[in-house]
């Protein structure tokens, strides 16, 4: 849920999660909502562009690139952790750009992902 909150898809009010602007999402599936939010996220866009120019880069390289580009002072372990996470999401976007369907999101098994998507469904 932290990722979804960071993407601006959901909000937490008094321990209850809800979609921020449900009217915008009425005709979209949970996966489409997530896809749109991830594709709009500026850091993901930076990483997608970086990977297009550096197709053999790994998560560590992504973290190092962002550390320098965004003028952060991350430790090597933070570069790796952050880079690996953003590498997964940017790779998901790149794969989806070349497919007719949105691929399964990174980070969880299909069953775990589907189990969590109910949180986004409109009431």
PDB file of N, CA and C in Angstrom:
ATOM      1  N   UNK A   1       0.813  -1.197   0.000  1.00  0.00           N
ATOM      2  CA  UNK A   1       0.000   0.000   0.000  1.00  0.00           C
ATOM      3  C   UNK A   1       0.855   1.259   0.000  1.00  0.00           C
ATOM      4  N   UNK A   2       2.039   1.177   0.572  1.00  0.00           N
ATOM      5  CA  UNK A   2       2.930   2.335   0.584  1.00  0.00           C
ATOM      6  C   UNK A   2       3.246   2.771  -0.847  1.00  0.00           C
ATOM      7  N   UNK A   3       3.472   1.800  -1.726  1.00  0.00           N
ATOM      8  CA  UNK A   3       3.755   2.120  -3.125  1.00  0.00           C
ATOM      9  C   UNK A   3       2.548   2.800  -3.767  1.00  0.00           C
ATOM     10  N   UNK A   4       1.361   2.266  -3.521  1.00  0.00           N
ATOM     11  CA  UNK A   4       0.149   2.851  -4.107  1.00  0.00           C
ATOM     12  C   UNK A   4      -0.104   4.257  -3.576  1.00  0.00           C
ATOM     13  N   UNK A   5       0.164   4.463  -2.298  1.00  0.00           N
ATOM     14  CA  UNK A   5       0.028   5.816  -1.752  1.00  0.00           C
ATOM     15  C   UNK A   5       1.042   6.740  -2.396  1.00  0.00           C
ATOM     16  N   UNK A   6       2.262   6.277  -2.567  1.00  0.00           N
ATOM     17  CA  UNK A   6       3.304   7.077  -3.203  1.00  0.00           C
ATOM     18  C   UNK A   6       2.989   7.419  -4.651  1.00  0.00           C
ATOM     19  N   UNK A   7       2.276   6.539  -5.312  1.00  0.00           N
ATOM     20  CA  UNK A   7       1.885   6.776  -6.699  1.00  0.00           C
ATOM     21  C   UNK A   7       0.656   7.670  -6.798  1.00  0.00           C
ATOM     22  N   UNK A   8       0.052   7.989  -5.673  1.00  0.00           N
ATOM     23  CA  UNK A   8      -1.121   8.857  -5.682  1.00  0.00           C
ATOM     24  C   UNK A   8      -2.399   8.152  -6.082  1.00  0.00           C
ATOM     25  N   UNK A   9      -2.433   6.839  -5.929  1.00  0.00           N
ATOM     26  CA  UNK A   9      -3.606   6.060  -6.313  1.00  0.00           C
ATOM     27  C   UNK A   9      -4.583   5.916  -5.148  1.00  0.00           C
ATOM     28  N   UNK A  10      -4.051   5.723  -3.954  1.00  0.00           N
ATOM     29  CA  UNK A  10      -4.905   5.542  -2.785  1.00  0.00           C
ATOM     30  C   UNK A  10      -4.506   6.510  -1.684  1.00  0.00           C
ATOM     31  N   UNK A  11      -5.427   6.714  -0.757  1.00  0.00           N
ATOM     32  CA  UNK A  11      -5.142   7.526   0.423  1.00  0.00           C
ATOM     33  C   UNK A  11      -5.602   6.764   1.651  1.00  0.00           C
ATOM     34  N   UNK A  12      -5.041   7.128   2.775  1.00  0.00           N
ATOM     35  CA  UNK A  12      -5.378   6.501   4.041  1.00  0.00           C
ATOM     36  C   UNK A  12      -6.008   7.561   4.931  1.00  0.00           C
ATOM     37  N   UNK A  13      -7.274   7.363   5.237  1.00  0.00           N
ATOM     38  CA  UNK A  13      -7.968   8.254   6.152  1.00  0.00           C
ATOM     39  C   UNK A  13      -8.495   7.426   7.312  1.00  0.00           C
ATOM     40  N   UNK A  14      -7.927   7.679   8.479  1.00  0.00           N
ATOM     41  CA  UNK A  14      -8.333   6.977   9.699  1.00  0.00           C
ATOM     42  C   UNK A  14      -8.229   5.458   9.554  1.00  0.00           C
ATOM     43  N   UNK A  15      -7.162   5.001   8.906  1.00  0.00           N
ATOM     44  CA  UNK A  15      -6.928   3.578   8.760  1.00  0.00           C
ATOM     45  C   UNK A  15      -7.707   2.900   7.653  1.00  0.00           C
ATOM     46  N   UNK A  16      -8.443   3.667   6.864  1.00  0.00           N
ATOM     47  CA  UNK A  16      -9.219   3.105   5.751  1.00  0.00           C
ATOM     48  C   UNK A  16      -8.639   3.622   4.443  1.00  0.00           C
ATOM     49  N   UNK A  17      -8.318   2.702   3.553  1.00  0.00           N
ATOM     50  CA  UNK A  17      -7.746   3.070   2.266  1.00  0.00           C
ATOM     51  C   UNK A  17      -8.845   3.238   1.234  1.00  0.00           C
ATOM     52  N   UNK A  18      -8.684   4.246   0.396  1.00  0.00           N
ATOM     53  CA  UNK A  18      -9.642   4.458  -0.691  1.00  0.00           C
ATOM     54  C   UNK A  18      -8.922   5.089  -1.872  1.00  0.00           C
ATOM     55  N   UNK A  19      -9.525   4.960  -3.038  1.00  0.00           N
ATOM     56  CA  UNK A  19      -8.979   5.571  -4.244  1.00  0.00           C
ATOM     57  C   UNK A  19      -9.127   7.078  -4.126  1.00  0.00           C
ATOM     58  N   UNK A  20      -8.100   7.800  -4.529  1.00  0.00           N
ATOM     59  CA  UNK A  20      -8.101   9.253  -4.357  1.00  0.00           C
ATOM     60  C   UNK A  20      -9.181   9.936  -5.181  1.00  0.00           C
ATOM     61  N   UNK A  21      -9.271   9.619  -6.468  1.00  0.00           N
ATOM     62  CA  UNK A  21     -10.297  10.216  -7.317  1.00  0.00           C
ATOM     63  C   UNK A  21     -11.070   9.103  -8.013  1.00  0.00           C
ATOM     64  N   UNK A  22     -12.011   8.478  -7.326  1.00  0.00           N
ATOM     65  CA  UNK A  22     -12.690   7.311  -7.890  1.00  0.00           C
ATOM     66  C   UNK A  22     -13.394   7.588  -9.214  1.00  0.00           C
ATOM     67  N   UNK A  23     -13.876   8.792  -9.450  1.00  0.00           N
ATOM     68  CA  UNK A  23     -14.581   9.059 -10.711  1.00  0.00           C
ATOM     69  C   UNK A  23     -13.651   8.930 -11.915  1.00  0.00           C
ATOM     70  N   UNK A  24     -12.379   9.253 -11.720  1.00  0.00           N
ATOM     71  CA  UNK A  24     -11.405   9.130 -12.809  1.00  0.00           C
ATOM     72  C   UNK A  24     -11.178   7.672 -13.186  1.00  0.00           C
ATOM     73  N   UNK A  25     -11.395   6.755 -12.234  1.00  0.00           N
ATOM     74  CA  UNK A  25     -11.071   5.356 -12.428  1.00  0.00           C
ATOM     75  C   UNK A  25     -12.275   4.459 -12.678  1.00  0.00           C
ATOM     76  N   UNK A  26     -13.467   5.006 -12.749  1.00  0.00           N
ATOM     77  CA  UNK A  26     -14.684   4.184 -12.795  1.00  0.00           C
ATOM     78  C   UNK A  26     -14.674   3.114 -13.879  1.00  0.00           C
ATOM     79  N   UNK A  27     -14.145   3.429 -15.050  1.00  0.00           N
ATOM     80  CA  UNK A  27     -14.206   2.469 -16.149  1.00  0.00           C
ATOM     81  C   UNK A  27     -12.919   1.651 -16.293  1.00  0.00           C
ATOM     82  N   UNK A  28     -12.011   1.755 -15.337  1.00  0.00           N
ATOM     83  CA  UNK A  28     -10.738   1.052 -15.436  1.00  0.00           C
ATOM     84  C   UNK A  28     -10.649  -0.074 -14.417  1.00  0.00           C
ATOM     85  N   UNK A  29      -9.887  -1.103 -14.788  1.00  0.00           N
ATOM     86  CA  UNK A  29      -9.613  -2.190 -13.852  1.00  0.00           C
ATOM     87  C   UNK A  29      -8.536  -1.731 -12.864  1.00  0.00           C
ATOM     88  N   UNK A  30      -8.373  -2.482 -11.809  1.00  0.00           N
ATOM     89  CA  UNK A  30      -7.333  -2.176 -10.823  1.00  0.00           C
ATOM     90  C   UNK A  30      -5.954  -2.176 -11.457  1.00  0.00           C
ATOM     91  N   UNK A  31      -5.730  -3.122 -12.345  1.00  0.00           N
ATOM     92  CA  UNK A  31      -4.432  -3.206 -13.011  1.00  0.00           C
ATOM     93  C   UNK A  31      -4.204  -1.988 -13.907  1.00  0.00           C
ATOM     94  N   UNK A  32      -5.233  -1.534 -14.596  1.00  0.00           N
ATOM     95  CA  UNK A  32      -5.106  -0.341 -15.444  1.00  0.00           C
ATOM     96  C   UNK A  32      -4.829   0.908 -14.619  1.00  0.00           C
ATOM     97  N   UNK A  33      -5.449   1.005 -13.456  1.00  0.00           N
ATOM     98  CA  UNK A  33      -5.209   2.138 -12.561  1.00  0.00           C
ATOM     99  C   UNK A  33      -3.745   2.149 -12.128  1.00  0.00           C
ATOM    100  N   UNK A  34      -3.246   0.990 -11.721  1.00  0.00           N
ATOM    101  CA  UNK A  34      -1.859   0.875 -11.303  1.00  0.00           C
ATOM    102  C   UNK A  34      -0.923   1.209 -12.459  1.00  0.00           C
ATOM    103  N   UNK A  35      -1.192   0.665 -13.628  1.00  0.00           N
ATOM    104  CA  UNK A  35      -0.378   0.905 -14.818  1.00  0.00           C
ATOM    105  C   UNK A  35      -0.288   2.402 -15.115  1.00  0.00           C
ATOM    106  N   UNK A  36      -1.410   3.075 -15.142  1.00  0.00           N
ATOM    107  CA  UNK A  36      -1.430   4.513 -15.441  1.00  0.00           C
ATOM    108  C   UNK A  36      -0.617   5.301 -14.418  1.00  0.00           C
ATOM    109  N   UNK A  37      -0.767   4.970 -13.152  1.00  0.00           N
ATOM    110  CA  UNK A  37      -0.051   5.687 -12.087  1.00  0.00           C
ATOM    111  C   UNK A  37       1.452   5.471 -12.193  1.00  0.00           C
ATOM    112  N   UNK A  38       1.867   4.230 -12.436  1.00  0.00           N
ATOM    113  CA  UNK A  38       3.293   3.933 -12.546  1.00  0.00           C
ATOM    114  C   UNK A  38       3.881   4.625 -13.774  1.00  0.00           C
ATOM    115  N   UNK A  39       3.173   4.592 -14.883  1.00  0.00           N
ATOM    116  CA  UNK A  39       3.681   5.221 -16.113  1.00  0.00           C
ATOM    117  C   UNK A  39       3.807   6.738 -15.976  1.00  0.00           C
ATOM    118  N   UNK A  40       2.993   7.350 -15.123  1.00  0.00           N
ATOM    119  CA  UNK A  40       3.053   8.803 -14.912  1.00  0.00           C
ATOM    120  C   UNK A  40       4.141   9.220 -13.922  1.00  0.00           C
ATOM    121  N   UNK A  41       4.609   8.292 -13.109  1.00  0.00           N
ATOM    122  CA  UNK A  41       5.551   8.632 -12.047  1.00  0.00           C
ATOM    123  C   UNK A  41       6.892   9.075 -12.641  1.00  0.00           C
ATOM    124  N   UNK A  42       7.362  10.258 -12.244  1.00  0.00           N
ATOM    125  CA  UNK A  42       8.537  10.875 -12.865  1.00  0.00           C
ATOM    126  C   UNK A  42       9.834  10.075 -12.686  1.00  0.00           C
ATOM    127  N   UNK A  43      10.039   9.494 -11.519  1.00  0.00           N
ATOM    128  CA  UNK A  43      11.258   8.712 -11.315  1.00  0.00           C
ATOM    129  C   UNK A  43      11.240   7.452 -12.170  1.00  0.00           C
ATOM    130  N   UNK A  44      10.079   6.824 -12.289  1.00  0.00           N
ATOM    131  CA  UNK A  44       9.963   5.649 -13.158  1.00  0.00           C
ATOM    132  C   UNK A  44      10.260   6.054 -14.604  1.00  0.00           C
ATOM    133  N   UNK A  45       9.772   7.199 -15.027  1.00  0.00           N
ATOM    134  CA  UNK A  45      10.043   7.686 -16.378  1.00  0.00           C
ATOM    135  C   UNK A  45      11.545   7.878 -16.598  1.00  0.00           C
ATOM    136  N   UNK A  46      12.248   8.422 -15.597  1.00  0.00           N
ATOM    137  CA  UNK A  46      13.702   8.571 -15.685  1.00  0.00           C
ATOM    138  C   UNK A  46      14.379   7.216 -15.871  1.00  0.00           C
ATOM    139  N   UNK A  47      13.937   6.238 -15.084  1.00  0.00           N
ATOM    140  CA  UNK A  47      14.553   4.910 -15.147  1.00  0.00           C
ATOM    141  C   UNK A  47      14.228   4.230 -16.473  1.00  0.00           C
ATOM    142  N   UNK A  48      13.008   4.363 -16.964  1.00  0.00           N
ATOM    143  CA  UNK A  48      12.647   3.794 -18.265  1.00  0.00           C
ATOM    144  C   UNK A  48      13.565   4.368 -19.345  1.00  0.00           C
ATOM    145  N   UNK A  49      13.732   5.676 -19.350  1.00  0.00           N
ATOM    146  CA  UNK A  49      14.609   6.310 -20.344  1.00  0.00           C
ATOM    147  C   UNK A  49      16.051   5.837 -20.185  1.00  0.00           C
ATOM    148  N   UNK A  50      16.506   5.712 -18.944  1.00  0.00           N
ATOM    149  CA  UNK A  50      17.864   5.231 -18.684  1.00  0.00           C
ATOM    150  C   UNK A  50      18.045   3.807 -19.224  1.00  0.00           C
ATOM    151  N   UNK A  51      17.069   2.943 -18.962  1.00  0.00           N
ATOM    152  CA  UNK A  51      17.175   1.552 -19.418  1.00  0.00           C
ATOM    153  C   UNK A  51      17.091   1.432 -20.930  1.00  0.00           C
ATOM    154  N   UNK A  52      16.357   2.321 -21.570  1.00  0.00           N
ATOM    155  CA  UNK A  52      16.318   2.302 -23.040  1.00  0.00           C
ATOM    156  C   UNK A  52      17.708   2.562 -23.614  1.00  0.00           C
ATOM    157  N   UNK A  53      18.457   3.447 -22.978  1.00  0.00           N
ATOM    158  CA  UNK A  53      19.809   3.760 -23.436  1.00  0.00           C
ATOM    159  C   UNK A  53      20.875   2.841 -22.883  1.00  0.00           C
ATOM    160  N   UNK A  54      20.535   2.088 -21.850  1.00  0.00           N
ATOM    161  CA  UNK A  54      21.479   1.194 -21.178  1.00  0.00           C
ATOM    162  C   UNK A  54      20.806  -0.153 -20.919  1.00  0.00           C
ATOM    163  N   UNK A  55      20.504  -0.907 -21.975  1.00  0.00           N
ATOM    164  CA  UNK A  55      19.699  -2.123 -21.826  1.00  0.00           C
ATOM    165  C   UNK A  55      20.335  -3.230 -20.992  1.00  0.00           C
ATOM    166  N   UNK A  56      21.631  -3.167 -20.752  1.00  0.00           N
ATOM    167  CA  UNK A  56      22.276  -4.200 -19.929  1.00  0.00           C
ATOM    168  C   UNK A  56      22.439  -3.763 -18.475  1.00  0.00           C
ATOM    169  N   UNK A  57      21.944  -2.584 -18.134  1.00  0.00           N
ATOM    170  CA  UNK A  57      22.066  -2.088 -16.758  1.00  0.00           C
ATOM    171  C   UNK A  57      21.277  -2.968 -15.804  1.00  0.00           C
ATOM    172  N   UNK A  58      21.769  -3.062 -14.582  1.00  0.00           N
ATOM    173  CA  UNK A  58      21.061  -3.799 -13.539  1.00  0.00           C
ATOM    174  C   UNK A  58      20.546  -2.813 -12.491  1.00  0.00           C
ATOM    175  N   UNK A  59      19.938  -3.348 -11.433  1.00  0.00           N
ATOM    176  CA  UNK A  59      19.370  -2.505 -10.394  1.00  0.00           C
ATOM    177  C   UNK A  59      20.394  -1.614  -9.710  1.00  0.00           C
ATOM    178  N   UNK A  60      21.574  -2.131  -9.503  1.00  0.00           N
ATOM    179  CA  UNK A  60      22.640  -1.340  -8.870  1.00  0.00           C
ATOM    180  C   UNK A  60      23.009  -0.147  -9.736  1.00  0.00           C
ATOM    181  N   UNK A  61      23.110  -0.372 -11.045  1.00  0.00           N
ATOM    182  CA  UNK A  61      23.434   0.717 -11.971  1.00  0.00           C
ATOM    183  C   UNK A  61      22.318   1.760 -11.985  1.00  0.00           C
ATOM    184  N   UNK A  62      21.077   1.305 -11.913  1.00  0.00           N
ATOM    185  CA  UNK A  62      19.940   2.231 -11.856  1.00  0.00           C
ATOM    186  C   UNK A  62      20.039   3.094 -10.593  1.00  0.00           C
ATOM    187  N   UNK A  63      20.335   2.461  -9.464  1.00  0.00           N
ATOM    188  CA  UNK A  63      20.467   3.203  -8.213  1.00  0.00           C
ATOM    189  C   UNK A  63      21.587   4.226  -8.265  1.00  0.00           C
ATOM    190  N   UNK A  64      22.704   3.845  -8.830  1.00  0.00           N
ATOM    191  CA  UNK A  64      23.848   4.772  -8.957  1.00  0.00           C
ATOM    192  C   UNK A  64      23.470   5.940  -9.864  1.00  0.00           C
ATOM    193  N   UNK A  65      22.819   5.638 -10.997  1.00  0.00           N
ATOM    194  CA  UNK A  65      22.365   6.682 -11.921  1.00  0.00           C
ATOM    195  C   UNK A  65      21.453   7.681 -11.206  1.00  0.00           C
ATOM    196  N   UNK A  66      20.468   7.176 -10.476  1.00  0.00           N
ATOM    197  CA  UNK A  66      19.528   8.061  -9.784  1.00  0.00           C
ATOM    198  C   UNK A  66      20.211   8.861  -8.684  1.00  0.00           C
ATOM    199  N   UNK A  67      21.116   8.236  -7.974  1.00  0.00           N
ATOM    200  CA  UNK A  67      21.849   8.921  -6.915  1.00  0.00           C
ATOM    201  C   UNK A  67      22.574  10.145  -7.480  1.00  0.00           C
ATOM    202  N   UNK A  68      23.215   9.967  -8.614  1.00  0.00           N
ATOM    203  CA  UNK A  68      23.930  11.082  -9.258  1.00  0.00           C
ATOM    204  C   UNK A  68      22.969  12.080  -9.897  1.00  0.00           C
ATOM    205  N   UNK A  69      21.996  11.578 -10.627  1.00  0.00           N
ATOM    206  CA  UNK A  69      21.049  12.435 -11.355  1.00  0.00           C
ATOM    207  C   UNK A  69      20.229  13.308 -10.404  1.00  0.00           C
ATOM    208  N   UNK A  70      19.768  12.719  -9.310  1.00  0.00           N
ATOM    209  CA  UNK A  70      18.916  13.437  -8.372  1.00  0.00           C
ATOM    210  C   UNK A  70      19.705  14.109  -7.249  1.00  0.00           C
ATOM    211  N   UNK A  71      21.039  13.996  -7.344  1.00  0.00           N
ATOM    212  CA  UNK A  71      21.932  14.617  -6.365  1.00  0.00           C
ATOM    213  C   UNK A  71      21.611  14.200  -4.922  1.00  0.00           C
ATOM    214  N   UNK A  72      21.467  12.896  -4.748  1.00  0.00           N
ATOM    215  CA  UNK A  72      21.230  12.320  -3.426  1.00  0.00           C
ATOM    216  C   UNK A  72      22.568  11.945  -2.806  1.00  0.00           C
ATOM    217  N   UNK A  73      22.532  11.532  -1.589  1.00  0.00           N
ATOM    218  CA  UNK A  73      23.736  11.044  -0.916  1.00  0.00           C
ATOM    219  C   UNK A  73      23.459   9.664  -0.338  1.00  0.00           C
ATOM    220  N   UNK A  74      23.011   8.758  -1.212  1.00  0.00           N
ATOM    221  CA  UNK A  74      22.678   7.411  -0.795  1.00  0.00           C
ATOM    222  C   UNK A  74      23.943   6.603  -0.553  1.00  0.00           C
ATOM    223  N   UNK A  75      23.866   5.701   0.383  1.00  0.00           N
ATOM    224  CA  UNK A  75      24.943   4.738   0.594  1.00  0.00           C
ATOM    225  C   UNK A  75      24.880   3.713  -0.543  1.00  0.00           C
ATOM    226  N   UNK A  76      25.951   2.950  -0.739  1.00  0.00           N
ATOM    227  CA  UNK A  76      25.900   1.897  -1.768  1.00  0.00           C
ATOM    228  C   UNK A  76      24.736   0.922  -1.568  1.00  0.00           C
ATOM    229  N   UNK A  77      24.430   0.589  -0.306  1.00  0.00           N
ATOM    230  CA  UNK A  77      23.317  -0.345  -0.078  1.00  0.00           C
ATOM    231  C   UNK A  77      21.976   0.312  -0.432  1.00  0.00           C
ATOM    232  N   UNK A  78      21.831   1.605  -0.193  1.00  0.00           N
ATOM    233  CA  UNK A  78      20.602   2.314  -0.579  1.00  0.00           C
ATOM    234  C   UNK A  78      20.485   2.402  -2.097  1.00  0.00           C
ATOM    235  N   UNK A  79      21.612   2.626  -2.764  1.00  0.00           N
ATOM    236  CA  UNK A  79      21.596   2.615  -4.236  1.00  0.00           C
ATOM    237  C   UNK A  79      21.083   1.282  -4.749  1.00  0.00           C
ATOM    238  N   UNK A  80      21.599   0.208  -4.179  1.00  0.00           N
ATOM    239  CA  UNK A  80      21.204  -1.125  -4.626  1.00  0.00           C
ATOM    240  C   UNK A  80      19.734  -1.396  -4.336  1.00  0.00           C
ATOM    241  N   UNK A  81      19.302  -1.129  -3.116  1.00  0.00           N
ATOM    242  CA  UNK A  81      17.911  -1.391  -2.723  1.00  0.00           C
ATOM    243  C   UNK A  81      16.932  -0.560  -3.561  1.00  0.00           C
ATOM    244  N   UNK A  82      17.182   0.732  -3.659  1.00  0.00           N
ATOM    245  CA  UNK A  82      16.306   1.625  -4.415  1.00  0.00           C
ATOM    246  C   UNK A  82      16.375   1.300  -5.901  1.00  0.00           C
ATOM    247  N   UNK A  83      17.575   1.087  -6.395  1.00  0.00           N
ATOM    248  CA  UNK A  83      17.753   0.765  -7.809  1.00  0.00           C
ATOM    249  C   UNK A  83      17.067  -0.519  -8.210  1.00  0.00           C
ATOM    250  N   UNK A  84      17.180  -1.557  -7.365  1.00  0.00           N
ATOM    251  CA  UNK A  84      16.519  -2.830  -7.675  1.00  0.00           C
ATOM    252  C   UNK A  84      15.007  -2.679  -7.730  1.00  0.00           C
ATOM    253  N   UNK A  85      14.454  -1.945  -6.789  1.00  0.00           N
ATOM    254  CA  UNK A  85      13.004  -1.739  -6.765  1.00  0.00           C
ATOM    255  C   UNK A  85      12.531  -0.975  -8.002  1.00  0.00           C
ATOM    256  N   UNK A  86      13.192   0.126  -8.295  1.00  0.00           N
ATOM    257  CA  UNK A  86      12.779   0.933  -9.458  1.00  0.00           C
ATOM    258  C   UNK A  86      13.080   0.226 -10.774  1.00  0.00           C
ATOM    259  N   UNK A  87      14.122  -0.581 -10.793  1.00  0.00           N
ATOM    260  CA  UNK A  87      14.416  -1.389 -11.975  1.00  0.00           C
ATOM    261  C   UNK A  87      13.258  -2.338 -12.279  1.00  0.00           C
ATOM    262  N   UNK A  88      12.707  -2.966 -11.233  1.00  0.00           N
ATOM    263  CA  UNK A  88      11.579  -3.887 -11.427  1.00  0.00           C
ATOM    264  C   UNK A  88      10.370  -3.158 -12.021  1.00  0.00           C
ATOM    265  N   UNK A  89      10.035  -1.986 -11.464  1.00  0.00           N
ATOM    266  CA  UNK A  89       8.874  -1.252 -11.952  1.00  0.00           C
ATOM    267  C   UNK A  89       9.104  -0.713 -13.370  1.00  0.00           C
ATOM    268  N   UNK A  90      10.289  -0.196 -13.635  1.00  0.00           N
ATOM    269  CA  UNK A  90      10.579   0.321 -14.978  1.00  0.00           C
ATOM    270  C   UNK A  90      10.604  -0.817 -16.003  1.00  0.00           C
ATOM    271  N   UNK A  91      11.123  -1.967 -15.620  1.00  0.00           N
ATOM    272  CA  UNK A  91      11.116  -3.129 -16.526  1.00  0.00           C
ATOM    273  C   UNK A  91       9.687  -3.554 -16.828  1.00  0.00           C
ATOM    274  N   UNK A  92       8.827  -3.491 -15.825  1.00  0.00           N
ATOM    275  CA  UNK A  92       7.403  -3.804 -16.013  1.00  0.00           C
ATOM    276  C   UNK A  92       6.794  -2.870 -17.053  1.00  0.00           C
ATOM    277  N   UNK A  93       7.126  -1.593 -16.959  1.00  0.00           N
ATOM    278  CA  UNK A  93       6.618  -0.621 -17.931  1.00  0.00           C
ATOM    279  C   UNK A  93       7.161  -0.930 -19.321  1.00  0.00           C
ATOM    280  N   UNK A  94       8.450  -1.187 -19.428  1.00  0.00           N
ATOM    281  CA  UNK A  94       9.052  -1.477 -20.733  1.00  0.00           C
ATOM    282  C   UNK A  94       8.456  -2.735 -21.366  1.00  0.00           C
ATOM    283  N   UNK A  95       8.252  -3.765 -20.566  1.00  0.00           N
ATOM    284  CA  UNK A  95       7.633  -4.993 -21.085  1.00  0.00           C
ATOM    285  C   UNK A  95       6.213  -4.699 -21.550  1.00  0.00           C
ATOM    286  N   UNK A  96       5.468  -3.981 -20.740  1.00  0.00           N
ATOM    287  CA  UNK A  96       4.086  -3.655 -21.086  1.00  0.00           C
ATOM    288  C   UNK A  96       3.945  -2.802 -22.330  1.00  0.00           C
ATOM    289  N   UNK A  97       4.941  -1.978 -22.607  1.00  0.00           N
ATOM    290  CA  UNK A  97       4.904  -1.143 -23.814  1.00  0.00           C
ATOM    291  C   UNK A  97       4.972  -1.983 -25.086  1.00  0.00           C
ATOM    292  N   UNK A  98       5.478  -3.199 -24.961  1.00  0.00           N
ATOM    293  CA  UNK A  98       5.656  -4.066 -26.121  1.00  0.00           C
ATOM    294  C   UNK A  98       4.678  -5.232 -26.148  1.00  0.00           C
ATOM    295  N   UNK A  99       3.652  -5.179 -25.313  1.00  0.00           N
ATOM    296  CA  UNK A  99       2.647  -6.232 -25.285  1.00  0.00           C
ATOM    297  C   UNK A  99       1.266  -5.625 -25.473  1.00  0.00           C
ATOM    298  N   UNK A 100       0.333  -6.451 -25.844  1.00  0.00           N
ATOM    299  CA  UNK A 100      -1.046  -5.991 -26.000  1.00  0.00           C
ATOM    300  C   UNK A 100      -1.754  -5.869 -24.660  1.00  0.00           C
ATOM    301  N   UNK A 101      -1.305  -6.616 -23.668  1.00  0.00           N
ATOM    302  CA  UNK A 101      -1.923  -6.592 -22.342  1.00  0.00           C
ATOM    303  C   UNK A 101      -0.919  -6.096 -21.316  1.00  0.00           C
ATOM    304  N   UNK A 102      -1.423  -5.532 -20.248  1.00  0.00           N
ATOM    305  CA  UNK A 102      -0.568  -5.092 -19.152  1.00  0.00           C
ATOM    306  C   UNK A 102      -0.046  -6.344 -18.449  1.00  0.00           C
ATOM    307  N   UNK A 103       1.269  -6.446 -18.262  1.00  0.00           N
ATOM    308  CA  UNK A 103       1.814  -7.630 -17.581  1.00  0.00           C
ATOM    309  C   UNK A 103       1.521  -7.622 -16.088  1.00  0.00           C
ATOM    310  N   UNK A 104       1.768  -8.750 -15.469  1.00  0.00           N
ATOM    311  CA  UNK A 104       1.613  -8.873 -14.018  1.00  0.00           C
ATOM    312  C   UNK A 104       2.601  -7.923 -13.347  1.00  0.00           C
ATOM    313  N   UNK A 105       2.140  -7.148 -12.349  1.00  0.00           N
ATOM    314  CA  UNK A 105       3.052  -6.214 -11.676  1.00  0.00           C
ATOM    315  C   UNK A 105       4.163  -6.931 -10.914  1.00  0.00           C
ATOM    316  N   UNK A 106       5.272  -6.259 -10.713  1.00  0.00           N
ATOM    317  CA  UNK A 106       6.381  -6.888  -9.994  1.00  0.00           C
ATOM    318  C   UNK A 106       6.121  -6.957  -8.495  1.00  0.00           C
ATOM    319  N   UNK A 107       6.875  -7.807  -7.832  1.00  0.00           N
ATOM    320  CA  UNK A 107       6.900  -7.791  -6.383  1.00  0.00           C
ATOM    321  C   UNK A 107       6.130  -8.870  -5.650  1.00  0.00           C
ATOM    322  N   UNK A 108       5.134  -9.451  -6.266  1.00  0.00           N
ATOM    323  CA  UNK A 108       4.352 -10.482  -5.593  1.00  0.00           C
ATOM    324  C   UNK A 108       3.964 -11.552  -6.605  1.00  0.00           C
ATOM    325  N   UNK A 109       3.591 -12.719  -6.092  1.00  0.00           N
ATOM    326  CA  UNK A 109       3.075 -13.744  -6.984  1.00  0.00           C
ATOM    327  C   UNK A 109       1.713 -13.288  -7.504  1.00  0.00           C
ATOM    328  N   UNK A 110       1.237 -13.936  -8.533  1.00  0.00           N
ATOM    329  CA  UNK A 110      -0.058 -13.567  -9.101  1.00  0.00           C
ATOM    330  C   UNK A 110      -1.169 -13.653  -8.042  1.00  0.00           C
ATOM    331  N   UNK A 111      -1.182 -14.714  -7.267  1.00  0.00           N
ATOM    332  CA  UNK A 111      -2.218 -14.882  -6.240  1.00  0.00           C
ATOM    333  C   UNK A 111      -2.135 -13.773  -5.198  1.00  0.00           C
ATOM    334  N   UNK A 112      -0.934 -13.428  -4.771  1.00  0.00           N
ATOM    335  CA  UNK A 112      -0.771 -12.351  -3.791  1.00  0.00           C
ATOM    336  C   UNK A 112      -1.198 -11.012  -4.370  1.00  0.00           C
ATOM    337  N   UNK A 113      -0.829 -10.748  -5.629  1.00  0.00           N
ATOM    338  CA  UNK A 113      -1.190  -9.485  -6.278  1.00  0.00           C
ATOM    339  C   UNK A 113      -2.694  -9.355  -6.417  1.00  0.00           C
ATOM    340  N   UNK A 114      -3.343 -10.407  -6.896  1.00  0.00           N
ATOM    341  CA  UNK A 114      -4.791 -10.362  -7.067  1.00  0.00           C
ATOM    342  C   UNK A 114      -5.496 -10.230  -5.734  1.00  0.00           C
ATOM    343  N   UNK A 115      -4.932 -10.857  -4.698  1.00  0.00           N
ATOM    344  CA  UNK A 115      -5.523 -10.768  -3.374  1.00  0.00           C
ATOM    345  C   UNK A 115      -5.477  -9.330  -2.853  1.00  0.00           C
ATOM    346  N   UNK A 116      -4.447  -8.566  -3.216  1.00  0.00           N
ATOM    347  CA  UNK A 116      -4.300  -7.188  -2.759  1.00  0.00           C
ATOM    348  C   UNK A 116      -5.076  -6.194  -3.624  1.00  0.00           C
ATOM    349  N   UNK A 117      -5.385  -6.537  -4.862  1.00  0.00           N
ATOM    350  CA  UNK A 117      -6.053  -5.586  -5.764  1.00  0.00           C
ATOM    351  C   UNK A 117      -7.460  -5.237  -5.331  1.00  0.00           C
ATOM    352  N   UNK A 118      -8.086  -6.036  -4.488  1.00  0.00           N
ATOM    353  CA  UNK A 118      -9.438  -5.697  -4.018  1.00  0.00           C
ATOM    354  C   UNK A 118      -9.423  -4.350  -3.304  1.00  0.00           C
ATOM    355  N   UNK A 119      -8.282  -3.950  -2.787  1.00  0.00           N
ATOM    356  CA  UNK A 119      -8.184  -2.679  -2.082  1.00  0.00           C
ATOM    357  C   UNK A 119      -8.459  -1.486  -3.002  1.00  0.00           C
ATOM    358  N   UNK A 120      -8.286  -1.684  -4.295  1.00  0.00           N
ATOM    359  CA  UNK A 120      -8.492  -0.609  -5.256  1.00  0.00           C
ATOM    360  C   UNK A 120      -9.880  -0.594  -5.868  1.00  0.00           C
ATOM    361  N   UNK A 121     -10.594  -1.678  -5.731  1.00  0.00           N
ATOM    362  CA  UNK A 121     -11.907  -1.756  -6.365  1.00  0.00           C
ATOM    363  C   UNK A 121     -12.851  -0.710  -5.783  1.00  0.00           C
ATOM    364  N   UNK A 122     -13.594  -0.060  -6.651  1.00  0.00           N
ATOM    365  CA  UNK A 122     -14.566   0.935  -6.206  1.00  0.00           C
ATOM    366  C   UNK A 122     -15.668   0.260  -5.423  1.00  0.00           C
ATOM    367  N   UNK A 123     -16.184   0.969  -4.448  1.00  0.00           N
ATOM    368  CA  UNK A 123     -17.256   0.400  -3.638  1.00  0.00           C
ATOM    369  C   UNK A 123     -18.589   0.616  -4.305  1.00  0.00           C
TER     370      UNK A 123
END
